[in-house]
Amino acid sequence: MTVPDIPSLISAARAAQHHAARAALARGLRHPITRTLLAAAAMAAATAYQAGHRVHDIHHHDRRFSDE
């Protein structure tokens, strides 16, 4: 099995996260569509992580809220 290009994994994880967040805002966390999209976002992030991608590459760190 071939692993897709890392930038496409990052894009897929970000898009899935964005869709899940929009569904949560529009329908609430208990709606079946929201739960399905959250699961898809988790799977996309896990796939990127397993391909050697760091969590910070998907979730950009905002230095304004950092202790560093």
Protein backbone atom coordinates (compact mmCIF):
# COMPACT_ATOMS: atom_id res chain seq x y z
CA MET A 1 0.00 0.00 0.00
CA THR A 2 1.36 3.41 -0.89
CA VAL A 3 1.03 6.37 1.42
CA PRO A 4 -0.17 9.63 -0.18
CA ASP A 5 2.06 12.67 -0.33
CA ILE A 6 2.45 14.33 3.10
CA PRO A 7 1.18 17.78 2.00
CA SER A 8 -2.01 16.14 0.74
CA LEU A 9 -2.40 14.35 4.09
CA ILE A 10 -2.03 17.68 5.87
CA SER A 11 -4.61 19.30 3.59
CA ALA A 12 -7.02 16.41 4.09
CA ALA A 13 -6.69 16.58 7.88
CA ARG A 14 -7.17 20.35 7.95
CA ALA A 15 -10.19 20.17 5.65
CA ALA A 16 -11.78 17.40 7.71
CA GLN A 17 -11.21 19.38 10.89
CA HIS A 18 -12.73 22.49 9.31
CA HIS A 19 -15.84 20.60 8.14
CA ALA A 20 -16.28 19.01 11.57
CA ALA A 21 -15.98 22.36 13.33
CA ARG A 22 -18.55 23.95 11.01
CA ALA A 23 -20.95 21.06 11.56
CA ALA A 24 -20.50 21.34 15.33
CA LEU A 25 -21.34 25.03 15.22
CA ALA A 26 -24.33 24.57 12.94
CA ARG A 27 -25.82 21.36 14.36
CA GLY A 28 -24.25 20.76 17.76
CA LEU A 29 -21.94 18.02 18.98
CA ARG A 30 -24.64 15.38 19.39
CA HIS A 31 -25.84 15.45 15.78
CA PRO A 32 -24.97 12.28 13.81
CA ILE A 33 -23.43 14.26 10.94
CA THR A 34 -21.17 16.12 13.35
CA ARG A 35 -20.07 12.89 14.99
CA THR A 36 -19.34 11.33 11.61
CA LEU A 37 -17.29 14.34 10.52
CA LEU A 38 -15.38 14.35 13.83
CA ALA A 39 -14.54 10.67 13.30
CA ALA A 40 -13.37 11.41 9.75
CA ALA A 41 -11.20 14.27 11.04
CA ALA A 42 -9.66 11.98 13.65
CA MET A 43 -8.92 9.34 11.03
CA ALA A 44 -7.35 11.90 8.68
CA ALA A 45 -5.16 13.25 11.49
CA ALA A 46 -4.15 9.73 12.54
CA THR A 47 -3.21 8.87 8.96
CA ALA A 48 -1.02 11.97 8.69
CA TYR A 49 0.58 11.18 12.07
CA GLN A 50 1.31 7.58 11.08
CA ALA A 51 2.97 8.83 7.91
CA GLY A 52 5.49 10.69 10.08
CA HIS A 53 3.75 14.02 10.17
CA ARG A 54 3.84 16.09 13.39
CA VAL A 55 0.70 17.31 15.13
CA HIS A 56 1.95 20.92 14.95
CA ASP A 57 1.90 20.75 11.16
CA ILE A 58 -1.90 20.37 11.26
CA HIS A 59 -2.59 22.51 14.32
CA HIS A 60 -0.55 25.66 13.99
CA HIS A 61 0.76 26.98 17.28
CA ASP A 62 -0.20 30.55 18.13
CA ARG A 63 2.68 32.08 20.05
CA ARG A 64 0.37 34.70 21.60
CA PHE A 65 -1.02 32.00 23.88
CA SER A 66 2.25 30.25 24.62
CA ASP A 67 4.13 30.09 27.92
CA GLU A 68 7.42 30.14 26.03
